[in-house]
Amino acid sequence: MIVAAGAGLLSFLSPCVLPLVPSYLAYVAGISFGELQRRSGHSARATVVLNALAFIAGFSLVFVAMGASVSLIGEWLITYRRLVQQVGGALIIVFGLYLLGVLRLPFLMRQVQLPLGNKPGGLFGSVLVGVTFAAGWTPCVGPVLGSILTLAGATQTIDRGVLLLGAYSAGLALPFLASALAFGHFLRFFARFKRFLPVVDRVAGLLLIGIGLLLFTNYMTYLNAYFIGLTPQWLLERL
């Protein structure tokens, strides 16, 4: 769960998402970027935040549905679970090498753009934009998302897959919501952080290689059992 949430945060900080956050916020709020910078007050903030929440609901819905779907496939392949883990681990390592720049894979460098000239009105329109955002996911974030989906596919239950993709969505959604709540602070943060954008891909690549190795060698299962053993009984009963 922590790995999945961290992957969501890395997706937010990636070169595909972070530079576009101001434009996303302006678009879902139905105003121009310049107007978003000029407007102030509680009413303007409320408009941006409400539409940002609807946008988050849209992409979270798609990601959680993906998690449920791949986990269902994982249930069908439970007989071959060890093989699925090894193939999935190898695939995640390939994704990590791609983000590190070691491998160049043309199919991961393609981008799907869905036409959205004018946002549909209201909060429902922002939900639709969130769904579109998730469906047309950009290539440099795709390996991170694909790796979490691979982890979900290697789980034994649909519930586990839903939780993993829910954690991923939360890791992406919370900083997005924080940006909507404090837009001016976000712009100042981005001005300082943008020079580190290439580092984000490198960190994500190393993280994916580590996860892939754990999954391939079955040490992910051992780590899960170890941390469950460290969890107090009263907490396990509530989970």
C-alpha atoms as a PDB file:
ATOM      1  CA  MET A   1       0.000   0.000   0.000  1.00  0.00           C
ATOM      2  CA  ILE A   2       2.847   2.381   0.844  1.00  0.00           C
ATOM      3  CA  VAL A   3       4.628   1.493  -2.400  1.00  0.00           C
ATOM      4  CA  ALA A   4       1.426   2.090  -4.388  1.00  0.00           C
ATOM      5  CA  ALA A   5       0.805   5.470  -2.728  1.00  0.00           C
ATOM      6  CA  GLY A   6       4.452   6.429  -3.320  1.00  0.00           C
ATOM      7  CA  ALA A   7       4.058   5.478  -6.978  1.00  0.00           C
ATOM      8  CA  GLY A   8       1.053   7.806  -7.192  1.00  0.00           C
ATOM      9  CA  LEU A   9       3.125  10.642  -5.711  1.00  0.00           C
ATOM     10  CA  LEU A  10       5.927   9.962  -8.212  1.00  0.00           C
ATOM     11  CA  SER A  11       3.350  10.071 -10.999  1.00  0.00           C
ATOM     12  CA  PHE A  12       2.222  13.510  -9.794  1.00  0.00           C
ATOM     13  CA  LEU A  13       5.833  14.749  -9.681  1.00  0.00           C
ATOM     14  CA  SER A  14       6.666  13.325 -13.110  1.00  0.00           C
ATOM     15  CA  PRO A  15       7.454  15.560 -16.122  1.00  0.00           C
ATOM     16  CA  CYS A  16       4.162  14.451 -17.694  1.00  0.00           C
ATOM     17  CA  VAL A  17       1.911  15.705 -14.904  1.00  0.00           C
ATOM     18  CA  LEU A  18       3.497  18.339 -12.661  1.00  0.00           C
ATOM     19  CA  PRO A  19       4.077  21.046 -15.322  1.00  0.00           C
ATOM     20  CA  LEU A  20       0.460  20.645 -16.493  1.00  0.00           C
ATOM     21  CA  VAL A  21      -1.225  20.874 -13.062  1.00  0.00           C
ATOM     22  CA  PRO A  22      -2.014  24.627 -13.393  1.00  0.00           C
ATOM     23  CA  SER A  23      -3.596  23.992 -16.786  1.00  0.00           C
ATOM     24  CA  TYR A  24      -5.586  21.034 -15.443  1.00  0.00           C
ATOM     25  CA  LEU A  25      -6.881  23.135 -12.550  1.00  0.00           C
ATOM     26  CA  ALA A  26      -7.851  26.011 -14.828  1.00  0.00           C
ATOM     27  CA  TYR A  27      -9.503  23.657 -17.329  1.00  0.00           C
ATOM     28  CA  VAL A  28     -11.645  21.756 -14.852  1.00  0.00           C
ATOM     29  CA  ALA A  29     -12.649  25.036 -13.184  1.00  0.00           C
ATOM     30  CA  GLY A  30     -13.778  26.367 -16.585  1.00  0.00           C
ATOM     31  CA  ILE A  31     -11.544  29.454 -16.576  1.00  0.00           C
ATOM     32  CA  SER A  32      -8.315  30.467 -18.264  1.00  0.00           C
ATOM     33  CA  PHE A  33      -4.929  30.022 -16.595  1.00  0.00           C
ATOM     34  CA  GLY A  34      -4.434  33.795 -16.503  1.00  0.00           C
ATOM     35  CA  GLU A  35      -7.812  34.299 -14.858  1.00  0.00           C
ATOM     36  CA  LEU A  36      -6.989  31.580 -12.327  1.00  0.00           C
ATOM     37  CA  GLN A  37      -3.863  33.520 -11.382  1.00  0.00           C
ATOM     38  CA  ARG A  38      -5.768  36.803 -11.055  1.00  0.00           C
ATOM     39  CA  ARG A  39      -8.803  35.570  -9.166  1.00  0.00           C
ATOM     40  CA  SER A  40      -8.770  35.408  -5.401  1.00  0.00           C
ATOM     41  CA  GLY A  41     -11.207  34.929  -2.564  1.00  0.00           C
ATOM     42  CA  HIS A  42     -13.174  32.039  -1.149  1.00  0.00           C
ATOM     43  CA  SER A  43     -15.624  31.748  -4.047  1.00  0.00           C
ATOM     44  CA  ALA A  44     -12.862  31.310  -6.634  1.00  0.00           C
ATOM     45  CA  ARG A  45     -11.039  28.792  -4.444  1.00  0.00           C
ATOM     46  CA  ALA A  46     -14.257  26.869  -3.793  1.00  0.00           C
ATOM     47  CA  THR A  47     -14.909  26.606  -7.547  1.00  0.00           C
ATOM     48  CA  VAL A  48     -11.417  25.265  -8.223  1.00  0.00           C
ATOM     49  CA  VAL A  49     -11.426  22.842  -5.274  1.00  0.00           C
ATOM     50  CA  LEU A  50     -14.892  21.399  -6.008  1.00  0.00           C
ATOM     51  CA  ASN A  51     -14.029  20.801  -9.642  1.00  0.00           C
ATOM     52  CA  ALA A  52     -10.638  19.363  -8.643  1.00  0.00           C
ATOM     53  CA  LEU A  53     -12.436  16.882  -6.351  1.00  0.00           C
ATOM     54  CA  ALA A  54     -14.719  15.869  -9.223  1.00  0.00           C
ATOM     55  CA  PHE A  55     -11.670  15.484 -11.503  1.00  0.00           C
ATOM     56  CA  ILE A  56      -9.984  13.288  -8.866  1.00  0.00           C
ATOM     57  CA  ALA A  57     -13.129  11.163  -8.564  1.00  0.00           C
ATOM     58  CA  GLY A  58     -13.072  10.608 -12.330  1.00  0.00           C
ATOM     59  CA  PHE A  59      -9.505   9.323 -12.629  1.00  0.00           C
ATOM     60  CA  SER A  60      -9.736   7.376  -9.346  1.00  0.00           C
ATOM     61  CA  LEU A  61     -12.795   5.548 -10.653  1.00  0.00           C
ATOM     62  CA  VAL A  62     -10.867   4.381 -13.717  1.00  0.00           C
ATOM     63  CA  PHE A  63      -7.764   3.315 -11.764  1.00  0.00           C
ATOM     64  CA  VAL A  64      -9.749   1.381  -9.138  1.00  0.00           C
ATOM     65  CA  ALA A  65     -11.720  -0.351 -11.908  1.00  0.00           C
ATOM     66  CA  MET A  66      -8.397  -1.311 -13.512  1.00  0.00           C
ATOM     67  CA  GLY A  67      -7.222  -2.751 -10.193  1.00  0.00           C
ATOM     68  CA  ALA A  68     -10.385  -4.837  -9.822  1.00  0.00           C
ATOM     69  CA  SER A  69     -10.109  -6.100 -13.400  1.00  0.00           C
ATOM     70  CA  VAL A  70      -6.488  -7.238 -13.254  1.00  0.00           C
ATOM     71  CA  SER A  71      -7.043  -8.809  -9.822  1.00  0.00           C
ATOM     72  CA  LEU A  72      -9.940 -10.813 -11.251  1.00  0.00           C
ATOM     73  CA  ILE A  73      -7.598 -12.103 -13.944  1.00  0.00           C
ATOM     74  CA  GLY A  74      -5.098 -12.864 -11.193  1.00  0.00           C
ATOM     75  CA  GLU A  75      -7.718 -14.968  -9.411  1.00  0.00           C
ATOM     76  CA  TRP A  76      -8.237 -17.019 -12.573  1.00  0.00           C
ATOM     77  CA  LEU A  77      -4.483 -17.580 -12.838  1.00  0.00           C
ATOM     78  CA  ILE A  78      -3.999 -18.445  -9.164  1.00  0.00           C
ATOM     79  CA  THR A  79      -2.717 -21.910 -10.160  1.00  0.00           C
ATOM     80  CA  TYR A  80       0.162 -20.233 -11.993  1.00  0.00           C
ATOM     81  CA  ARG A  81       0.654 -17.477  -9.412  1.00  0.00           C
ATOM     82  CA  ARG A  82       4.421 -18.023  -9.083  1.00  0.00           C
ATOM     83  CA  LEU A  83       4.890 -17.799 -12.852  1.00  0.00           C
ATOM     84  CA  VAL A  84       2.712 -14.671 -12.965  1.00  0.00           C
ATOM     85  CA  GLN A  85       4.880 -13.112 -10.240  1.00  0.00           C
ATOM     86  CA  GLN A  86       8.074 -13.857 -12.144  1.00  0.00           C
ATOM     87  CA  VAL A  87       6.775 -12.551 -15.473  1.00  0.00           C
ATOM     88  CA  GLY A  88       5.322  -9.490 -13.743  1.00  0.00           C
ATOM     89  CA  GLY A  89       8.570  -8.856 -11.870  1.00  0.00           C
ATOM     90  CA  ALA A  90      10.555  -9.030 -15.100  1.00  0.00           C
ATOM     91  CA  LEU A  91       8.102  -6.628 -16.759  1.00  0.00           C
ATOM     92  CA  ILE A  92       8.401  -4.131 -13.888  1.00  0.00           C
ATOM     93  CA  ILE A  93      12.205  -4.288 -14.147  1.00  0.00           C
ATOM     94  CA  VAL A  94      11.894  -3.473 -17.871  1.00  0.00           C
ATOM     95  CA  PHE A  95       9.683  -0.470 -16.969  1.00  0.00           C
ATOM     96  CA  GLY A  96      12.312   0.668 -14.470  1.00  0.00           C
ATOM     97  CA  LEU A  97      15.118   0.411 -17.017  1.00  0.00           C
ATOM     98  CA  TYR A  98      12.970   2.441 -19.424  1.00  0.00           C
ATOM     99  CA  LEU A  99      12.528   5.248 -16.893  1.00  0.00           C
ATOM    100  CA  LEU A 100      16.270   5.209 -16.185  1.00  0.00           C
ATOM    101  CA  GLY A 101      16.895   5.712 -19.903  1.00  0.00           C
ATOM    102  CA  VAL A 102      18.701   2.374 -20.292  1.00  0.00           C
ATOM    103  CA  LEU A 103      16.029   0.996 -22.640  1.00  0.00           C
ATOM    104  CA  ARG A 104      14.145   2.821 -25.371  1.00  0.00           C
ATOM    105  CA  LEU A 105      10.784   1.181 -26.033  1.00  0.00           C
ATOM    106  CA  PRO A 106       8.791   2.857 -28.842  1.00  0.00           C
ATOM    107  CA  PHE A 107       5.411   1.519 -27.645  1.00  0.00           C
ATOM    108  CA  LEU A 108       5.934   3.279 -24.294  1.00  0.00           C
ATOM    109  CA  MET A 109       6.777   6.560 -26.018  1.00  0.00           C
ATOM    110  CA  ARG A 110       3.405   6.871 -27.749  1.00  0.00           C
ATOM    111  CA  GLN A 111       0.818   9.268 -26.424  1.00  0.00           C
ATOM    112  CA  VAL A 112      -2.962   9.050 -26.609  1.00  0.00           C
ATOM    113  CA  GLN A 113      -4.735  12.393 -26.813  1.00  0.00           C
ATOM    114  CA  LEU A 114      -8.503  12.487 -26.661  1.00  0.00           C
ATOM    115  CA  PRO A 115     -10.158  15.611 -28.131  1.00  0.00           C
ATOM    116  CA  LEU A 116     -11.553  17.879 -25.429  1.00  0.00           C
ATOM    117  CA  GLY A 117     -11.981  21.306 -26.945  1.00  0.00           C
ATOM    118  CA  ASN A 118     -14.549  22.498 -24.421  1.00  0.00           C
ATOM    119  CA  LYS A 119     -15.079  20.951 -21.012  1.00  0.00           C
ATOM    120  CA  PRO A 120     -18.606  19.672 -20.365  1.00  0.00           C
ATOM    121  CA  GLY A 121     -20.329  21.919 -17.864  1.00  0.00           C
ATOM    122  CA  GLY A 122     -20.543  21.450 -14.117  1.00  0.00           C
ATOM    123  CA  LEU A 123     -19.019  18.986 -11.708  1.00  0.00           C
ATOM    124  CA  PHE A 124     -20.125  16.036 -13.836  1.00  0.00           C
ATOM    125  CA  GLY A 125     -18.068  17.486 -16.674  1.00  0.00           C
ATOM    126  CA  SER A 126     -15.015  17.556 -14.398  1.00  0.00           C
ATOM    127  CA  VAL A 127     -15.615  13.877 -13.554  1.00  0.00           C
ATOM    128  CA  LEU A 128     -15.661  13.092 -17.295  1.00  0.00           C
ATOM    129  CA  VAL A 129     -12.399  14.996 -17.770  1.00  0.00           C
ATOM    130  CA  GLY A 130     -10.863  12.908 -14.954  1.00  0.00           C
ATOM    131  CA  VAL A 131     -11.997   9.716 -16.679  1.00  0.00           C
ATOM    132  CA  THR A 132     -10.491  10.968 -19.956  1.00  0.00           C
ATOM    133  CA  PHE A 133      -7.255  11.931 -18.194  1.00  0.00           C
ATOM    134  CA  ALA A 134      -6.898   8.379 -16.859  1.00  0.00           C
ATOM    135  CA  ALA A 135      -7.871   6.730 -20.162  1.00  0.00           C
ATOM    136  CA  GLY A 136      -5.350   8.801 -22.142  1.00  0.00           C
ATOM    137  CA  TRP A 137      -2.533   8.359 -19.617  1.00  0.00           C
ATOM    138  CA  THR A 138       0.769   9.750 -20.856  1.00  0.00           C
ATOM    139  CA  PRO A 139       3.700   7.405 -21.591  1.00  0.00           C
ATOM    140  CA  CYS A 140       6.241   8.431 -18.965  1.00  0.00           C
ATOM    141  CA  VAL A 141       3.710   7.768 -16.178  1.00  0.00           C
ATOM    142  CA  GLY A 142       2.404   4.582 -17.829  1.00  0.00           C
ATOM    143  CA  PRO A 143       5.284   2.362 -16.617  1.00  0.00           C
ATOM    144  CA  VAL A 144       4.643   3.368 -12.984  1.00  0.00           C
ATOM    145  CA  LEU A 145       0.906   2.772 -13.296  1.00  0.00           C
ATOM    146  CA  GLY A 146       1.521  -0.452 -15.223  1.00  0.00           C
ATOM    147  CA  SER A 147       3.802  -1.708 -12.458  1.00  0.00           C
ATOM    148  CA  ILE A 148       1.160  -1.159  -9.783  1.00  0.00           C
ATOM    149  CA  LEU A 149      -1.368  -2.919 -12.020  1.00  0.00           C
ATOM    150  CA  THR A 150       1.087  -5.801 -12.336  1.00  0.00           C
ATOM    151  CA  LEU A 151       1.334  -5.983  -8.544  1.00  0.00           C
ATOM    152  CA  ALA A 152      -2.469  -5.987  -8.363  1.00  0.00           C
ATOM    153  CA  GLY A 153      -2.614  -8.803 -10.914  1.00  0.00           C
ATOM    154  CA  ALA A 154      -0.301 -10.893  -8.749  1.00  0.00           C
ATOM    155  CA  THR A 155      -2.583 -10.587  -5.703  1.00  0.00           C
ATOM    156  CA  GLN A 156      -5.010 -13.266  -4.596  1.00  0.00           C
ATOM    157  CA  THR A 157      -8.188 -11.184  -4.251  1.00  0.00           C
ATOM    158  CA  ILE A 158     -10.055  -8.401  -6.043  1.00  0.00           C
ATOM    159  CA  ASP A 159     -10.212  -6.456  -2.773  1.00  0.00           C
ATOM    160  CA  ARG A 160      -6.426  -6.307  -2.645  1.00  0.00           C
ATOM    161  CA  GLY A 161      -6.220  -5.014  -6.209  1.00  0.00           C
ATOM    162  CA  VAL A 162      -8.820  -2.347  -5.474  1.00  0.00           C
ATOM    163  CA  LEU A 163      -6.904  -1.259  -2.357  1.00  0.00           C
ATOM    164  CA  LEU A 164      -3.599  -1.050  -4.259  1.00  0.00           C
ATOM    165  CA  LEU A 165      -5.059   1.117  -7.020  1.00  0.00           C
ATOM    166  CA  GLY A 166      -6.981   3.143  -4.439  1.00  0.00           C
ATOM    167  CA  ALA A 167      -3.666   3.860  -2.692  1.00  0.00           C
ATOM    168  CA  TYR A 168      -2.096   4.782  -6.043  1.00  0.00           C
ATOM    169  CA  SER A 169      -4.986   7.159  -6.777  1.00  0.00           C
ATOM    170  CA  ALA A 170      -4.631   8.719  -3.315  1.00  0.00           C
ATOM    171  CA  GLY A 171      -0.914   9.297  -3.855  1.00  0.00           C
ATOM    172  CA  LEU A 172      -1.741  11.151  -7.068  1.00  0.00           C
ATOM    173  CA  ALA A 173      -4.888  12.869  -5.793  1.00  0.00           C
ATOM    174  CA  LEU A 174      -3.734  14.360  -2.483  1.00  0.00           C
ATOM    175  CA  PRO A 175      -0.974  16.606  -3.908  1.00  0.00           C
ATOM    176  CA  PHE A 176      -3.334  17.594  -6.736  1.00  0.00           C
ATOM    177  CA  LEU A 177      -5.960  18.625  -4.189  1.00  0.00           C
ATOM    178  CA  ALA A 178      -3.318  20.455  -2.129  1.00  0.00           C
ATOM    179  CA  SER A 179      -2.341  22.355  -5.286  1.00  0.00           C
ATOM    180  CA  ALA A 180      -5.957  23.395  -5.784  1.00  0.00           C
ATOM    181  CA  LEU A 181      -6.246  24.557  -2.151  1.00  0.00           C
ATOM    182  CA  ALA A 182      -3.038  26.601  -2.306  1.00  0.00           C
ATOM    183  CA  PHE A 183      -2.588  27.482  -5.971  1.00  0.00           C
ATOM    184  CA  GLY A 184      -0.214  30.402  -5.405  1.00  0.00           C
ATOM    185  CA  HIS A 185       2.034  28.306  -3.182  1.00  0.00           C
ATOM    186  CA  PHE A 186       2.027  25.544  -5.804  1.00  0.00           C
ATOM    187  CA  LEU A 187       3.298  27.906  -8.499  1.00  0.00           C
ATOM    188  CA  ARG A 188       6.167  28.979  -6.257  1.00  0.00           C
ATOM    189  CA  PHE A 189       6.927  25.334  -5.408  1.00  0.00           C
ATOM    190  CA  PHE A 190       6.942  24.371  -9.081  1.00  0.00           C
ATOM    191  CA  ALA A 191       9.308  27.205  -9.981  1.00  0.00           C
ATOM    192  CA  ARG A 192      11.837  25.781  -7.508  1.00  0.00           C
ATOM    193  CA  PHE A 193      11.172  22.084  -8.171  1.00  0.00           C
ATOM    194  CA  LYS A 194      11.082  21.933 -11.977  1.00  0.00           C
ATOM    195  CA  ARG A 195      14.845  21.531 -12.300  1.00  0.00           C
ATOM    196  CA  PHE A 196      14.518  18.226 -10.417  1.00  0.00           C
ATOM    197  CA  LEU A 197      11.959  16.717 -12.825  1.00  0.00           C
ATOM    198  CA  PRO A 198      14.510  14.432 -14.563  1.00  0.00           C
ATOM    199  CA  VAL A 199      15.520  13.104 -11.117  1.00  0.00           C
ATOM    200  CA  VAL A 200      11.931  11.977 -10.506  1.00  0.00           C
ATOM    201  CA  ASP A 201      12.115   9.574 -13.439  1.00  0.00           C
ATOM    202  CA  ARG A 202      15.420   8.192 -12.163  1.00  0.00           C
ATOM    203  CA  VAL A 203      14.018   7.644  -8.657  1.00  0.00           C
ATOM    204  CA  ALA A 204      10.902   6.012 -10.112  1.00  0.00           C
ATOM    205  CA  GLY A 205      13.080   3.762 -12.290  1.00  0.00           C
ATOM    206  CA  LEU A 206      15.154   2.584  -9.324  1.00  0.00           C
ATOM    207  CA  LEU A 207      11.988   2.023  -7.280  1.00  0.00           C
ATOM    208  CA  LEU A 208      10.445  -0.104 -10.026  1.00  0.00           C
ATOM    209  CA  ILE A 209      13.597  -2.188 -10.454  1.00  0.00           C
ATOM    210  CA  GLY A 210      13.613  -2.853  -6.708  1.00  0.00           C
ATOM    211  CA  ILE A 211       9.925  -3.839  -6.718  1.00  0.00           C
ATOM    212  CA  GLY A 212      10.457  -6.044  -9.760  1.00  0.00           C
ATOM    213  CA  LEU A 213      13.334  -7.886  -8.114  1.00  0.00           C
ATOM    214  CA  LEU A 214      11.286  -8.425  -4.935  1.00  0.00           C
ATOM    215  CA  LEU A 215       8.370  -9.788  -6.953  1.00  0.00           C
ATOM    216  CA  PHE A 216      10.534 -11.979  -9.203  1.00  0.00           C
ATOM    217  CA  THR A 217      12.405 -13.557  -6.270  1.00  0.00           C
ATOM    218  CA  ASN A 218       9.201 -13.911  -4.159  1.00  0.00           C
ATOM    219  CA  TYR A 219      10.687 -11.719  -1.430  1.00  0.00           C
ATOM    220  CA  MET A 220       7.646  -9.451  -1.731  1.00  0.00           C
ATOM    221  CA  THR A 221       5.606 -12.258  -0.129  1.00  0.00           C
ATOM    222  CA  TYR A 222       8.197 -12.657   2.643  1.00  0.00           C
ATOM    223  CA  LEU A 223       8.170  -8.919   3.321  1.00  0.00           C
ATOM    224  CA  ASN A 224       4.373  -8.869   3.485  1.00  0.00           C
ATOM    225  CA  ALA A 225       4.421 -11.705   6.024  1.00  0.00           C
ATOM    226  CA  TYR A 226       7.168  -9.956   8.028  1.00  0.00           C
ATOM    227  CA  PHE A 227       5.305  -6.652   8.273  1.00  0.00           C
ATOM    228  CA  ILE A 228       2.044  -8.412   9.126  1.00  0.00           C
ATOM    229  CA  GLY A 229       3.939 -10.059  12.000  1.00  0.00           C
ATOM    230  CA  LEU A 230       4.992  -6.610  13.241  1.00  0.00           C
ATOM    231  CA  THR A 231       1.425  -5.269  13.158  1.00  0.00           C
ATOM    232  CA  PRO A 232      -0.302  -5.205  16.571  1.00  0.00           C
ATOM    233  CA  GLN A 233      -3.199  -7.631  16.912  1.00  0.00           C
ATOM    234  CA  TRP A 234      -5.669  -4.890  17.831  1.00  0.00           C
ATOM    235  CA  LEU A 235      -4.867  -3.100  14.558  1.00  0.00           C
ATOM    236  CA  LEU A 236      -5.186  -6.281  12.485  1.00  0.00           C
ATOM    237  CA  GLU A 237      -8.635  -6.891  13.964  1.00  0.00           C
ATOM    238  CA  ARG A 238      -9.730  -3.411  12.854  1.00  0.00           C
ATOM    239  CA  LEU A 239      -8.277  -3.824   9.363  1.00  0.00           C
END
